[in-house]
PDB file of all heavy atoms in Angstrom:
ATOM      1  N   LYS A   1      96.159 -41.698 189.052  1.00  0.00           N
ATOM      2  CA  LYS A   1      94.795 -41.987 189.432  1.00  0.00           C
ATOM      3  C   LYS A   1      94.639 -42.849 190.647  1.00  0.00           C
ATOM      4  O   LYS A   1      93.939 -42.635 191.617  1.00  0.00           O
ATOM      5  CB  LYS A   1      94.049 -42.537 188.305  1.00  0.00           C
ATOM      6  CG  LYS A   1      92.464 -42.570 188.473  1.00  0.00           C
ATOM      7  CD  LYS A   1      91.787 -43.011 187.264  1.00  0.00           C
ATOM      8  CE  LYS A   1      90.306 -43.055 187.483  1.00  0.00           C
ATOM      9  NZ  LYS A   1      89.585 -43.501 186.189  1.00  0.00           N
ATOM     10  N   ALA A   2      95.575 -43.938 190.646  1.00  0.00           N
ATOM     11  CA  ALA A   2      95.556 -44.798 191.794  1.00  0.00           C
ATOM     12  C   ALA A   2      95.980 -44.062 193.073  1.00  0.00           C
ATOM     13  O   ALA A   2      95.511 -44.365 194.209  1.00  0.00           O
ATOM     14  CB  ALA A   2      96.356 -46.028 191.514  1.00  0.00           C
ATOM     15  N   LYS A   3      96.952 -43.219 192.885  1.00  0.00           N
ATOM     16  CA  LYS A   3      97.430 -42.510 194.072  1.00  0.00           C
ATOM     17  C   LYS A   3      96.426 -41.533 194.627  1.00  0.00           C
ATOM     18  O   LYS A   3      96.222 -41.437 195.832  1.00  0.00           O
ATOM     19  CB  LYS A   3      98.709 -41.599 193.622  1.00  0.00           C
ATOM     20  CG  LYS A   3      99.441 -40.967 194.708  1.00  0.00           C
ATOM     21  CD  LYS A   3     100.608 -40.150 194.281  1.00  0.00           C
ATOM     22  CE  LYS A   3     101.683 -40.980 193.499  1.00  0.00           C
ATOM     23  NZ  LYS A   3     102.725 -40.084 193.049  1.00  0.00           N
ATOM     24  N   GLN A   4      95.604 -40.875 193.741  1.00  0.00           N
ATOM     25  CA  GLN A   4      94.548 -40.080 194.118  1.00  0.00           C
ATOM     26  C   GLN A   4      93.416 -40.868 194.949  1.00  0.00           C
ATOM     27  O   GLN A   4      92.893 -40.425 195.936  1.00  0.00           O
ATOM     28  CB  GLN A   4      93.974 -39.287 192.956  1.00  0.00           C
ATOM     29  CG  GLN A   4      94.869 -38.251 192.388  1.00  0.00           C
ATOM     30  CD  GLN A   4      94.300 -37.530 191.300  1.00  0.00           C
ATOM     31  OE1 GLN A   4      93.124 -37.841 190.789  1.00  0.00           O
ATOM     32  NE2 GLN A   4      94.957 -36.650 190.543  1.00  0.00           N
ATOM     33  N   LEU A   5      93.079 -42.100 194.393  1.00  0.00           N
ATOM     34  CA  LEU A   5      92.132 -42.962 194.981  1.00  0.00           C
ATOM     35  C   LEU A   5      92.570 -43.319 196.387  1.00  0.00           C
ATOM     36  O   LEU A   5      91.788 -43.386 197.328  1.00  0.00           O
ATOM     37  CB  LEU A   5      91.898 -44.161 194.120  1.00  0.00           C
ATOM     38  CG  LEU A   5      90.975 -43.891 192.814  1.00  0.00           C
ATOM     39  CD1 LEU A   5      90.949 -45.138 192.012  1.00  0.00           C
ATOM     40  CD2 LEU A   5      89.615 -43.432 193.174  1.00  0.00           C
ATOM     41  N   ARG A   6      93.900 -43.731 196.422  1.00  0.00           N
ATOM     42  CA  ARG A   6      94.315 -44.105 197.826  1.00  0.00           C
ATOM     43  C   ARG A   6      94.282 -42.954 198.763  1.00  0.00           C
ATOM     44  O   ARG A   6      93.899 -43.114 199.959  1.00  0.00           O
ATOM     45  CB  ARG A   6      95.840 -44.568 197.659  1.00  0.00           C
ATOM     46  CG  ARG A   6      95.959 -45.962 197.065  1.00  0.00           C
ATOM     47  CD  ARG A   6      97.319 -46.522 197.325  1.00  0.00           C
ATOM     48  NE  ARG A   6      98.402 -45.711 196.662  1.00  0.00           N
ATOM     49  CZ  ARG A   6      98.833 -45.931 195.460  1.00  0.00           C
ATOM     50  NH1 ARG A   6      98.298 -46.947 194.714  1.00  0.00           N
ATOM     51  NH2 ARG A   6      99.767 -45.134 194.980  1.00  0.00           N
ATOM     52  N   ALA A   7      94.619 -41.692 198.354  1.00  0.00           N
ATOM     53  CA  ALA A   7      94.498 -40.514 199.173  1.00  0.00           C
ATOM     54  C   ALA A   7      93.072 -40.260 199.666  1.00  0.00           C
ATOM     55  O   ALA A   7      92.776 -39.936 200.776  1.00  0.00           O
ATOM     56  CB  ALA A   7      95.125 -39.309 198.445  1.00  0.00           C
ATOM     57  N   MET A   8      92.152 -40.429 198.669  1.00  0.00           N
ATOM     58  CA  MET A   8      90.715 -40.176 198.970  1.00  0.00           C
ATOM     59  C   MET A   8      90.241 -41.287 200.004  1.00  0.00           C
ATOM     60  O   MET A   8      89.487 -40.912 200.937  1.00  0.00           O
ATOM     61  CB  MET A   8      89.885 -40.220 197.745  1.00  0.00           C
ATOM     62  CG  MET A   8      90.092 -39.005 196.711  1.00  0.00           C
ATOM     63  SD  MET A   8      89.251 -39.212 195.251  1.00  0.00           S
ATOM     64  CE  MET A   8      87.534 -39.151 195.779  1.00  0.00           C
ATOM     65  N   ARG A   9      90.614 -42.529 199.810  1.00  0.00           N
ATOM     66  CA  ARG A   9      90.206 -43.603 200.695  1.00  0.00           C
ATOM     67  C   ARG A   9      90.723 -43.320 202.134  1.00  0.00           C
ATOM     68  O   ARG A   9      90.082 -43.557 203.122  1.00  0.00           O
ATOM     69  CB  ARG A   9      90.719 -44.957 200.233  1.00  0.00           C
ATOM     70  CG  ARG A   9      89.893 -45.355 198.959  1.00  0.00           C
ATOM     71  CD  ARG A   9      90.455 -46.664 198.469  1.00  0.00           C
ATOM     72  NE  ARG A   9      89.775 -47.109 197.246  1.00  0.00           N
ATOM     73  CZ  ARG A   9      90.252 -48.071 196.483  1.00  0.00           C
ATOM     74  NH1 ARG A   9      91.405 -48.752 196.784  1.00  0.00           N
ATOM     75  NH2 ARG A   9      89.711 -48.513 195.346  1.00  0.00           N
ATOM     76  N   LYS A  10      92.014 -42.923 202.132  1.00  0.00           N
ATOM     77  CA  LYS A  10      92.576 -42.534 203.378  1.00  0.00           C
ATOM     78  C   LYS A  10      91.898 -41.471 204.113  1.00  0.00           C
ATOM     79  O   LYS A  10      91.684 -41.521 205.348  1.00  0.00           O
ATOM     80  CB  LYS A  10      94.110 -42.230 203.238  1.00  0.00           C
ATOM     81  CG  LYS A  10      94.953 -42.113 204.431  1.00  0.00           C
ATOM     82  CD  LYS A  10      96.374 -41.917 204.085  1.00  0.00           C
ATOM     83  CE  LYS A  10      97.294 -41.769 205.436  1.00  0.00           C
ATOM     84  NZ  LYS A  10      98.661 -41.553 205.125  1.00  0.00           N
ATOM     85  N   TYR A  11      91.531 -40.417 203.379  1.00  0.00           N
ATOM     86  CA  TYR A  11      90.833 -39.200 203.983  1.00  0.00           C
ATOM     87  C   TYR A  11      89.477 -39.709 204.418  1.00  0.00           C
ATOM     88  O   TYR A  11      89.058 -39.251 205.518  1.00  0.00           O
ATOM     89  CB  TYR A  11      90.759 -38.156 202.945  1.00  0.00           C
ATOM     90  CG  TYR A  11      89.974 -36.926 203.334  1.00  0.00           C
ATOM     91  CD1 TYR A  11      90.585 -36.035 204.275  1.00  0.00           C
ATOM     92  CD2 TYR A  11      88.692 -36.698 202.893  1.00  0.00           C
ATOM     93  CE1 TYR A  11      89.963 -34.951 204.776  1.00  0.00           C
ATOM     94  CE2 TYR A  11      88.005 -35.611 203.437  1.00  0.00           C
ATOM     95  CZ  TYR A  11      88.607 -34.748 204.311  1.00  0.00           C
ATOM     96  OH  TYR A  11      87.979 -33.598 204.704  1.00  0.00           O
ATOM     97  N   GLY A  12      88.760 -40.456 203.566  1.00  0.00           N
ATOM     98  CA  GLY A  12      87.433 -40.945 203.972  1.00  0.00           C
ATOM     99  C   GLY A  12      87.445 -41.828 205.228  1.00  0.00           C
ATOM    100  O   GLY A  12      86.587 -41.700 206.133  1.00  0.00           O
ATOM    101  N   LYS A  13      88.454 -42.673 205.372  1.00  0.00           N
ATOM    102  CA  LYS A  13      88.580 -43.496 206.541  1.00  0.00           C
ATOM    103  C   LYS A  13      88.892 -42.665 207.771  1.00  0.00           C
ATOM    104  O   LYS A  13      88.348 -42.927 208.826  1.00  0.00           O
ATOM    105  CB  LYS A  13      89.716 -44.546 206.326  1.00  0.00           C
ATOM    106  CG  LYS A  13      89.805 -45.667 207.319  1.00  0.00           C
ATOM    107  CD  LYS A  13      90.766 -46.618 207.020  1.00  0.00           C
ATOM    108  CE  LYS A  13      90.808 -47.769 208.070  1.00  0.00           C
ATOM    109  NZ  LYS A  13      91.903 -48.774 207.754  1.00  0.00           N
ATOM    110  N   LYS A  14      89.663 -41.624 207.554  1.00  0.00           N
ATOM    111  CA  LYS A  14      89.957 -40.732 208.685  1.00  0.00           C
ATOM    112  C   LYS A  14      88.738 -40.006 209.173  1.00  0.00           C
ATOM    113  O   LYS A  14      88.393 -39.872 210.364  1.00  0.00           O
ATOM    114  CB  LYS A  14      91.073 -39.737 208.327  1.00  0.00           C
ATOM    115  CG  LYS A  14      91.424 -38.782 209.341  1.00  0.00           C
ATOM    116  CD  LYS A  14      92.513 -37.797 208.860  1.00  0.00           C
ATOM    117  CE  LYS A  14      92.944 -36.826 209.905  1.00  0.00           C
ATOM    118  NZ  LYS A  14      93.958 -35.883 209.414  1.00  0.00           N
ATOM    119  N   VAL A  15      87.965 -39.544 208.219  1.00  0.00           N
ATOM    120  CA  VAL A  15      86.695 -38.815 208.546  1.00  0.00           C
ATOM    121  C   VAL A  15      85.718 -39.769 209.205  1.00  0.00           C
ATOM    122  O   VAL A  15      85.048 -39.396 210.285  1.00  0.00           O
ATOM    123  CB  VAL A  15      86.036 -38.166 207.322  1.00  0.00           C
ATOM    124  CG1 VAL A  15      84.663 -37.692 207.614  1.00  0.00           C
ATOM    125  CG2 VAL A  15      86.923 -37.106 206.730  1.00  0.00           C
ATOM    126  N   GLN A  16      85.581 -40.946 208.730  1.00  0.00           N
ATOM    127  CA  GLN A  16      84.710 -41.950 209.361  1.00  0.00           C
ATOM    128  C   GLN A  16      85.136 -42.296 210.793  1.00  0.00           C
ATOM    129  O   GLN A  16      84.331 -42.375 211.727  1.00  0.00           O
ATOM    130  CB  GLN A  16      84.694 -43.195 208.494  1.00  0.00           C
ATOM    131  CG  GLN A  16      83.653 -44.240 208.990  1.00  0.00           C
ATOM    132  CD  GLN A  16      83.600 -45.472 208.082  1.00  0.00           C
ATOM    133  OE1 GLN A  16      84.460 -45.565 207.235  1.00  0.00           O
ATOM    134  NE2 GLN A  16      82.703 -46.323 208.247  1.00  0.00           N
ATOM    135  N   THR A  17      86.370 -42.413 211.017  1.00  0.00           N
ATOM    136  CA  THR A  17      86.923 -42.711 212.367  1.00  0.00           C
ATOM    137  C   THR A  17      86.628 -41.554 213.305  1.00  0.00           C
ATOM    138  O   THR A  17      86.197 -41.760 214.477  1.00  0.00           O
ATOM    139  CB  THR A  17      88.484 -42.986 212.328  1.00  0.00           C
ATOM    140  OG1 THR A  17      88.740 -44.004 211.444  1.00  0.00           O
ATOM    141  CG2 THR A  17      88.982 -43.341 213.644  1.00  0.00           C
ATOM    142  N   GLU A  18      86.784 -40.311 212.825  1.00  0.00           N
ATOM    143  CA  GLU A  18      86.441 -39.106 213.706  1.00  0.00           C
ATOM    144  C   GLU A  18      85.026 -39.098 214.037  1.00  0.00           C
ATOM    145  O   GLU A  18      84.683 -38.738 215.205  1.00  0.00           O
ATOM    146  CB  GLU A  18      86.938 -37.847 212.949  1.00  0.00           C
ATOM    147  CG  GLU A  18      88.404 -37.716 212.786  1.00  0.00           C
ATOM    148  CD  GLU A  18      88.836 -36.488 212.069  1.00  0.00           C
ATOM    149  OE1 GLU A  18      87.887 -35.813 211.531  1.00  0.00           O
ATOM    150  OE2 GLU A  18      89.995 -36.165 211.905  1.00  0.00           O
ATOM    151  N   ILE A  19      84.179 -39.421 213.084  1.00  0.00           N
ATOM    152  CA  ILE A  19      82.805 -39.374 213.366  1.00  0.00           C
ATOM    153  C   ILE A  19      82.311 -40.460 214.414  1.00  0.00           C
ATOM    154  O   ILE A  19      81.545 -40.172 215.336  1.00  0.00           O
ATOM    155  CB  ILE A  19      81.936 -39.583 212.020  1.00  0.00           C
ATOM    156  CG1 ILE A  19      82.059 -38.338 211.088  1.00  0.00           C
ATOM    157  CG2 ILE A  19      80.428 -39.800 212.320  1.00  0.00           C
ATOM    158  CD1 ILE A  19      81.487 -38.561 209.657  1.00  0.00           C
ATOM    159  N   LEU A  20      82.810 -41.622 214.220  1.00  0.00           N
ATOM    160  CA  LEU A  20      82.546 -42.713 215.196  1.00  0.00           C
ATOM    161  C   LEU A  20      83.051 -42.294 216.570  1.00  0.00           C
ATOM    162  O   LEU A  20      82.325 -42.548 217.625  1.00  0.00           O
ATOM    163  CB  LEU A  20      83.231 -44.019 214.733  1.00  0.00           C
ATOM    164  CG  LEU A  20      82.648 -44.616 213.504  1.00  0.00           C
ATOM    165  CD1 LEU A  20      83.422 -45.855 213.101  1.00  0.00           C
ATOM    166  CD2 LEU A  20      81.165 -45.060 213.734  1.00  0.00           C
ATOM    167  N   GLN A  21      84.280 -41.801 216.658  1.00  0.00           N
ATOM    168  CA  GLN A  21      84.729 -41.372 218.024  1.00  0.00           C
ATOM    169  C   GLN A  21      83.924 -40.209 218.613  1.00  0.00           C
ATOM    170  O   GLN A  21      83.646 -40.231 219.842  1.00  0.00           O
ATOM    171  CB  GLN A  21      86.234 -40.840 217.805  1.00  0.00           C
ATOM    172  CG  GLN A  21      87.192 -41.902 217.514  1.00  0.00           C
ATOM    173  CD  GLN A  21      88.643 -41.455 217.297  1.00  0.00           C
ATOM    174  OE1 GLN A  21      88.852 -40.173 217.319  1.00  0.00           O
ATOM    175  NE2 GLN A  21      89.591 -42.253 217.152  1.00  0.00           N
ATOM    176  N   ARG A  22      83.446 -39.220 217.806  1.00  0.00           N
ATOM    177  CA  ARG A  22      82.600 -38.236 218.282  1.00  0.00           C
ATOM    178  C   ARG A  22      81.214 -38.814 218.788  1.00  0.00           C
ATOM    179  O   ARG A  22      80.793 -38.395 219.811  1.00  0.00           O
ATOM    180  CB  ARG A  22      82.328 -37.197 217.208  1.00  0.00           C
ATOM    181  CG  ARG A  22      81.586 -35.932 217.750  1.00  0.00           C
ATOM    182  CD  ARG A  22      81.487 -34.850 216.705  1.00  0.00           C
ATOM    183  NE  ARG A  22      80.583 -35.235 215.683  1.00  0.00           N
ATOM    184  CZ  ARG A  22      80.959 -35.486 214.417  1.00  0.00           C
ATOM    185  NH1 ARG A  22      82.250 -35.362 214.055  1.00  0.00           N
ATOM    186  NH2 ARG A  22      80.000 -35.729 213.509  1.00  0.00           N
ATOM    187  N   ARG A  23      80.668 -39.749 218.058  1.00  0.00           N
ATOM    188  CA  ARG A  23      79.426 -40.358 218.568  1.00  0.00           C
ATOM    189  C   ARG A  23      79.623 -41.116 219.868  1.00  0.00           C
ATOM    190  O   ARG A  23      78.746 -41.077 220.703  1.00  0.00           O
ATOM    191  CB  ARG A  23      78.923 -41.311 217.402  1.00  0.00           C
ATOM    192  CG  ARG A  23      78.430 -40.548 216.186  1.00  0.00           C
ATOM    193  CD  ARG A  23      77.889 -41.610 215.110  1.00  0.00           C
ATOM    194  NE  ARG A  23      77.361 -40.940 213.936  1.00  0.00           N
ATOM    195  CZ  ARG A  23      76.977 -41.556 212.856  1.00  0.00           C
ATOM    196  NH1 ARG A  23      77.083 -42.891 212.807  1.00  0.00           N
ATOM    197  NH2 ARG A  23      76.515 -40.909 211.852  1.00  0.00           N
ATOM    198  N   GLN A  24      80.645 -41.897 219.923  1.00  0.00           N
ATOM    199  CA  GLN A  24      80.935 -42.599 221.114  1.00  0.00           C
ATOM    200  C   GLN A  24      81.106 -41.598 222.293  1.00  0.00           C
ATOM    201  O   GLN A  24      80.597 -41.836 223.426  1.00  0.00           O
ATOM    202  CB  GLN A  24      82.221 -43.431 221.020  1.00  0.00           C
ATOM    203  CG  GLN A  24      82.024 -44.625 220.051  1.00  0.00           C
ATOM    204  CD  GLN A  24      83.243 -45.454 219.886  1.00  0.00           C
ATOM    205  OE1 GLN A  24      84.294 -45.142 220.412  1.00  0.00           O
ATOM    206  NE2 GLN A  24      83.167 -46.581 219.051  1.00  0.00           N
ATOM    207  N   LYS A  25      81.809 -40.567 222.074  1.00  0.00           N
ATOM    208  CA  LYS A  25      81.980 -39.549 223.130  1.00  0.00           C
ATOM    209  C   LYS A  25      80.648 -38.866 223.572  1.00  0.00           C
ATOM    210  O   LYS A  25      80.345 -38.764 224.789  1.00  0.00           O
ATOM    211  CB  LYS A  25      82.958 -38.440 222.701  1.00  0.00           C
ATOM    212  CG  LYS A  25      83.283 -37.485 223.749  1.00  0.00           C
ATOM    213  CD  LYS A  25      84.415 -36.459 223.245  1.00  0.00           C
ATOM    214  CE  LYS A  25      84.699 -35.450 224.261  1.00  0.00           C
ATOM    215  NZ  LYS A  25      85.748 -34.492 223.808  1.00  0.00           N
ATOM    216  N   GLU A  26      79.768 -38.597 222.533  1.00  0.00           N
ATOM    217  CA  GLU A  26      78.456 -37.963 222.868  1.00  0.00           C
ATOM    218  C   GLU A  26      77.590 -38.939 223.672  1.00  0.00           C
ATOM    219  O   GLU A  26      76.854 -38.608 224.619  1.00  0.00           O
ATOM    220  CB  GLU A  26      77.808 -37.573 221.668  1.00  0.00           C
ATOM    221  CG  GLU A  26      78.425 -36.349 220.888  1.00  0.00           C
ATOM    222  CD  GLU A  26      77.814 -36.051 219.610  1.00  0.00           C
ATOM    223  OE1 GLU A  26      76.910 -36.772 219.172  1.00  0.00           O
ATOM    224  OE2 GLU A  26      78.097 -35.022 218.984  1.00  0.00           O
ATOM    225  N   LYS A  27      77.691 -40.244 223.230  1.00  0.00           N
ATOM    226  CA  LYS A  27      76.864 -41.350 223.974  1.00  0.00           C
ATOM    227  C   LYS A  27      77.313 -41.492 225.353  1.00  0.00           C
ATOM    228  O   LYS A  27      76.520 -41.574 226.292  1.00  0.00           O
ATOM    229  CB  LYS A  27      77.035 -42.558 223.189  1.00  0.00           C
ATOM    230  CG  LYS A  27      76.179 -43.739 223.703  1.00  0.00           C
ATOM    231  CD  LYS A  27      76.302 -44.974 222.883  1.00  0.00           C
ATOM    232  CE  LYS A  27      75.416 -46.092 223.340  1.00  0.00           C
ATOM    233  NZ  LYS A  27      75.512 -47.333 222.541  1.00  0.00           N
ATOM    234  N   LYS A  28      78.733 -41.507 225.572  1.00  0.00           N
ATOM    235  CA  LYS A  28      79.166 -41.608 226.897  1.00  0.00           C
ATOM    236  C   LYS A  28      78.793 -40.509 227.764  1.00  0.00           C
ATOM    237  O   LYS A  28      78.376 -40.635 228.934  1.00  0.00           O
ATOM    238  CB  LYS A  28      80.710 -41.709 226.767  1.00  0.00           C
ATOM    239  CG  LYS A  28      81.379 -41.921 228.132  1.00  0.00           C
ATOM    240  CD  LYS A  28      82.890 -42.226 227.947  1.00  0.00           C
ATOM    241  CE  LYS A  28      83.603 -42.414 229.292  1.00  0.00           C
ATOM    242  NZ  LYS A  28      85.012 -42.582 229.100  1.00  0.00           N
ATOM    243  N   ASN A  29      78.858 -39.229 227.299  1.00  0.00           N
ATOM    244  CA  ASN A  29      78.403 -38.057 228.072  1.00  0.00           C
ATOM    245  C   ASN A  29      76.985 -38.062 228.347  1.00  0.00           C
ATOM    246  O   ASN A  29      76.554 -37.712 229.480  1.00  0.00           O
ATOM    247  CB  ASN A  29      78.774 -36.769 227.225  1.00  0.00           C
ATOM    248  CG  ASN A  29      80.231 -36.603 227.034  1.00  0.00           C
ATOM    249  OD1 ASN A  29      81.058 -37.105 227.830  1.00  0.00           O
ATOM    250  ND2 ASN A  29      80.637 -35.818 225.959  1.00  0.00           N
TER     251      ASN A  29
END
């Protein structure tokens, strides 16, 4: 269960980073 939670947190952090990068790129454009 702890392993699954770590994987979910890692995936959520990755998605959040991608969203922030996309927003910054759109703002810059």
